[in-house]
Amino acid sequence: MSAFDSLTTAPPFMFGFYEPDCSCPSSSQMSASDGTSIWNKKLAPLASNGTALGSPSMCKQYDEDWLTPFSVDSSTGASLLDADWKYTSIHVNKNSLDGVKADVGYYWTKYHKPIWVSEFACVDDKNGFTPCTDQTQINQFISDAVDFFQSNGSVVAYGPSNGEGLGTVWPLIDSSTGQLSATGTTYLNKIKSL
């Protein structure tokens, strides 16, 4: 927080909390009311200085139940935020294009703001959280997801996840060599082909 508090210029973009709706490693886990308080104190002032804000990103994906109580008073319908987000930041951990479409569609329909897919990965999220292990499936998932993101007018930005819990096949960088993995090479080649 000290690095954030020592900012002397407003950055062009700033995203809200990382997965505040989960209690897993690296998630920011907090109540919606705590999130509102911190957002108004720390992030809203950046918006008044020109920073485009991205919403907090949800761990539960389209099953999320945090953003509305964070942002809207349930009794009056009034906004609780001193500055609203410009982009809805989402995480997409699915193993099919239908799952990707469902996540993007949910957030676009619910919040009506441009979607910034701040991370996506090939994961079976219906049976626990099981990373994909078949490189052919991963390659197809990357191709399908990128084509969808590129063609969907509600998606303004996207990038793959290289985070925790994604197994040994998905990570884009080989941790032992520092070089692109097969997955990283697939993603790079797909982006180059656009």
Protein backbone atom coordinates (compact mmCIF):
# COMPACT_ATOMS: atom_id res chain seq x y z
CA MET A 1 0.00 0.00 0.00
CA SER A 2 2.93 2.34 0.59
CA ALA A 3 3.87 2.21 -3.11
CA PHE A 4 0.28 3.08 -4.02
CA ASP A 5 0.16 5.89 -1.47
CA SER A 6 3.39 7.36 -2.83
CA LEU A 7 2.10 7.79 -6.40
CA THR A 8 2.85 11.33 -7.53
CA THR A 9 1.05 11.22 -10.87
CA ALA A 10 -2.20 9.58 -11.84
CA PRO A 11 -1.64 6.44 -13.96
CA PRO A 12 -3.68 6.08 -17.15
CA PHE A 13 -5.37 2.90 -15.83
CA MET A 14 -5.90 1.41 -12.39
CA PHE A 15 -7.74 -1.78 -11.58
CA GLY A 16 -9.67 -2.47 -8.42
CA PHE A 17 -9.08 -5.32 -6.03
CA TYR A 18 -7.87 -8.73 -7.14
CA GLU A 19 -10.54 -11.34 -6.49
CA PRO A 20 -12.00 -9.82 -3.30
CA ASP A 21 -14.77 -12.44 -3.41
CA CYS A 22 -12.48 -15.41 -2.65
CA SER A 23 -10.33 -16.61 0.21
CA CYS A 24 -7.70 -18.35 -1.90
CA PRO A 25 -3.96 -17.56 -2.10
CA SER A 26 -3.17 -14.10 -3.52
CA SER A 27 -6.81 -12.98 -3.50
CA SER A 28 -7.60 -9.77 -1.66
CA GLN A 29 -10.59 -11.29 0.22
CA MET A 30 -12.71 -8.51 1.71
CA SER A 31 -16.33 -7.68 2.28
CA ALA A 32 -18.16 -5.58 -0.30
CA SER A 33 -18.58 -2.77 2.25
CA ASP A 34 -14.85 -2.73 3.02
CA GLY A 35 -14.21 -2.67 -0.71
CA THR A 36 -16.49 0.34 -1.15
CA SER A 37 -14.74 2.23 1.63
CA ILE A 38 -11.24 1.54 0.27
CA TRP A 39 -12.32 2.26 -3.32
CA ASN A 40 -13.73 5.66 -2.34
CA LYS A 41 -10.66 6.54 -0.29
CA LYS A 42 -7.91 5.24 -2.59
CA LEU A 43 -9.19 4.75 -6.14
CA ALA A 44 -11.94 7.31 -6.69
CA PRO A 45 -9.51 10.25 -6.28
CA LEU A 46 -7.45 8.87 -9.17
CA ALA A 47 -10.47 9.08 -11.48
CA SER A 48 -10.80 12.79 -10.78
CA ASN A 49 -7.22 13.13 -12.04
CA GLY A 50 -7.90 11.30 -15.31
CA THR A 51 -7.25 7.67 -14.42
CA ALA A 52 -9.60 5.19 -16.09
CA LEU A 53 -10.69 2.75 -13.39
CA GLY A 54 -11.24 -0.96 -13.89
CA SER A 55 -13.62 -2.79 -11.59
CA PRO A 56 -12.42 -5.32 -9.08
CA SER A 57 -12.01 -8.70 -10.81
CA MET A 58 -14.08 -11.60 -9.53
CA CYS A 59 -12.81 -15.04 -8.65
CA LYS A 60 -16.30 -16.53 -9.02
CA GLN A 61 -16.57 -15.32 -12.64
CA TYR A 62 -20.23 -15.25 -13.78
CA ASP A 63 -21.31 -16.63 -10.41
CA GLU A 64 -20.12 -13.42 -8.78
CA ASP A 65 -22.17 -11.92 -5.97
CA TRP A 66 -19.86 -9.09 -4.87
CA LEU A 67 -19.84 -6.25 -7.43
CA THR A 68 -23.46 -5.15 -7.00
CA PRO A 69 -23.37 -4.87 -3.18
CA PHE A 70 -19.98 -3.16 -3.56
CA SER A 71 -21.33 -0.55 -5.96
CA VAL A 72 -25.08 -0.10 -5.38
CA ASP A 73 -27.16 0.60 -2.26
CA SER A 74 -29.64 -2.27 -2.16
CA SER A 75 -32.42 -0.19 -0.58
CA THR A 76 -32.22 2.93 -2.75
CA GLY A 77 -30.46 1.78 -5.92
CA ALA A 78 -28.06 4.71 -5.58
CA SER A 79 -24.39 4.32 -6.37
CA LEU A 80 -22.13 3.79 -3.37
CA LEU A 81 -19.02 4.75 -5.33
CA ASP A 82 -17.56 8.25 -5.46
CA ALA A 83 -16.25 7.33 -8.93
CA ASP A 84 -17.57 4.46 -11.00
CA TRP A 85 -15.37 2.10 -12.99
CA LYS A 86 -14.95 2.62 -16.74
CA TYR A 87 -13.99 -0.97 -17.57
CA THR A 88 -15.35 -4.17 -16.08
CA SER A 89 -12.27 -6.26 -15.36
CA ILE A 90 -12.97 -9.98 -15.54
CA HIS A 91 -11.16 -13.28 -15.08
CA VAL A 92 -12.09 -16.10 -17.43
CA ASN A 93 -11.06 -19.56 -16.27
CA LYS A 94 -12.95 -21.94 -18.54
CA ASN A 95 -12.14 -24.90 -20.76
CA SER A 96 -14.49 -24.12 -23.66
CA LEU A 97 -15.47 -21.25 -25.89
CA ASP A 98 -19.05 -21.53 -24.59
CA GLY A 99 -17.72 -20.86 -21.07
CA VAL A 100 -15.75 -17.84 -22.29
CA LYS A 101 -18.83 -16.45 -24.04
CA ALA A 102 -20.95 -17.00 -20.91
CA ASP A 103 -18.53 -15.02 -18.72
CA VAL A 104 -18.22 -12.10 -21.15
CA GLY A 105 -21.95 -12.09 -21.83
CA TYR A 106 -22.85 -12.05 -18.15
CA TYR A 107 -20.69 -9.02 -17.33
CA TRP A 108 -21.70 -7.08 -20.44
CA THR A 109 -25.40 -7.70 -19.79
CA LYS A 110 -25.20 -6.97 -16.06
CA TYR A 111 -22.93 -3.90 -16.00
CA HIS A 112 -23.07 -2.52 -19.58
CA LYS A 113 -19.44 -1.42 -19.57
CA PRO A 114 -16.54 -2.35 -21.83
CA ILE A 115 -14.94 -5.65 -20.78
CA TRP A 116 -11.23 -5.91 -19.99
CA VAL A 117 -10.32 -9.60 -19.67
CA SER A 118 -7.41 -9.12 -17.29
CA GLU A 119 -6.67 -12.84 -17.30
CA PHE A 120 -7.87 -15.95 -19.05
CA ALA A 121 -6.78 -19.58 -18.79
CA CYS A 122 -7.90 -23.06 -19.78
CA VAL A 123 -9.41 -24.48 -16.60
CA ASP A 124 -12.25 -26.85 -15.78
CA ASP A 125 -14.01 -24.73 -13.17
CA LYS A 126 -17.04 -27.02 -12.87
CA ASN A 127 -15.13 -29.87 -11.20
CA GLY A 128 -13.12 -27.91 -8.67
CA PHE A 129 -10.46 -25.80 -10.33
CA THR A 130 -8.62 -28.22 -12.61
CA PRO A 131 -6.14 -26.76 -15.11
CA CYS A 132 -6.18 -28.20 -18.63
CA THR A 133 -3.25 -30.54 -19.28
CA ASP A 134 -3.70 -31.46 -22.93
CA GLN A 135 -1.62 -29.13 -25.12
CA THR A 136 -3.89 -29.67 -28.14
CA GLN A 137 -6.94 -28.62 -26.09
CA ILE A 138 -5.03 -25.60 -24.75
CA ASN A 139 -3.93 -24.54 -28.23
CA GLN A 140 -7.51 -24.73 -29.52
CA PHE A 141 -8.81 -22.87 -26.47
CA ILE A 142 -6.32 -20.03 -27.04
CA SER A 143 -7.22 -19.79 -30.73
CA ASP A 144 -10.97 -19.80 -30.03
CA ALA A 145 -10.76 -17.36 -27.11
CA VAL A 146 -8.56 -14.85 -28.97
CA ASP A 147 -10.82 -14.98 -32.05
CA PHE A 148 -13.85 -14.36 -29.82
CA PHE A 149 -12.21 -11.50 -27.91
CA GLN A 150 -11.08 -9.88 -31.16
CA SER A 151 -14.54 -10.10 -32.72
CA ASN A 152 -16.63 -9.16 -29.68
CA GLY A 153 -17.36 -5.44 -29.56
CA SER A 154 -17.75 -5.43 -25.77
CA VAL A 155 -14.17 -6.69 -25.19
CA VAL A 156 -11.64 -3.85 -25.31
CA ALA A 157 -8.57 -5.69 -23.97
CA TYR A 158 -7.48 -9.16 -22.94
CA GLY A 159 -4.48 -11.14 -21.82
CA PRO A 160 -3.68 -14.65 -20.63
CA SER A 161 -3.09 -15.52 -17.01
CA ASN A 162 0.28 -16.70 -15.84
CA GLY A 163 -0.85 -16.89 -12.24
CA GLU A 164 -1.06 -19.48 -9.52
CA GLY A 165 -2.90 -22.79 -9.65
CA LEU A 166 -2.70 -23.29 -13.41
CA GLY A 167 -0.71 -26.52 -13.41
CA THR A 168 2.42 -27.23 -15.42
CA VAL A 169 1.13 -27.10 -19.01
CA TRP A 170 -0.73 -23.75 -19.13
CA PRO A 171 1.92 -21.31 -17.80
CA LEU A 172 3.27 -19.22 -20.66
CA ILE A 173 6.84 -19.14 -19.35
CA ASP A 174 8.86 -22.25 -18.54
CA SER A 175 9.94 -21.59 -14.96
CA SER A 176 13.14 -23.62 -15.33
CA THR A 177 14.41 -21.90 -18.51
CA GLY A 178 12.66 -18.53 -18.52
CA GLN A 179 11.68 -19.20 -22.15
CA LEU A 180 8.22 -19.33 -23.65
CA SER A 181 6.47 -22.64 -23.06
CA ALA A 182 4.45 -24.40 -25.77
CA THR A 183 1.41 -22.50 -24.46
CA GLY A 184 3.27 -19.18 -24.53
CA THR A 185 4.44 -19.86 -28.08
CA THR A 186 0.88 -20.72 -29.14
CA TYR A 187 -0.42 -17.45 -27.67
CA LEU A 188 2.38 -15.37 -29.24
CA ASN A 189 1.84 -16.98 -32.65
CA LYS A 190 -1.91 -16.39 -32.42
CA ILE A 191 -1.40 -12.71 -31.61
CA LYS A 192 1.16 -12.35 -34.41
CA SER A 193 -1.37 -13.79 -36.87
CA LEU A 194 -3.95 -11.08 -36.22
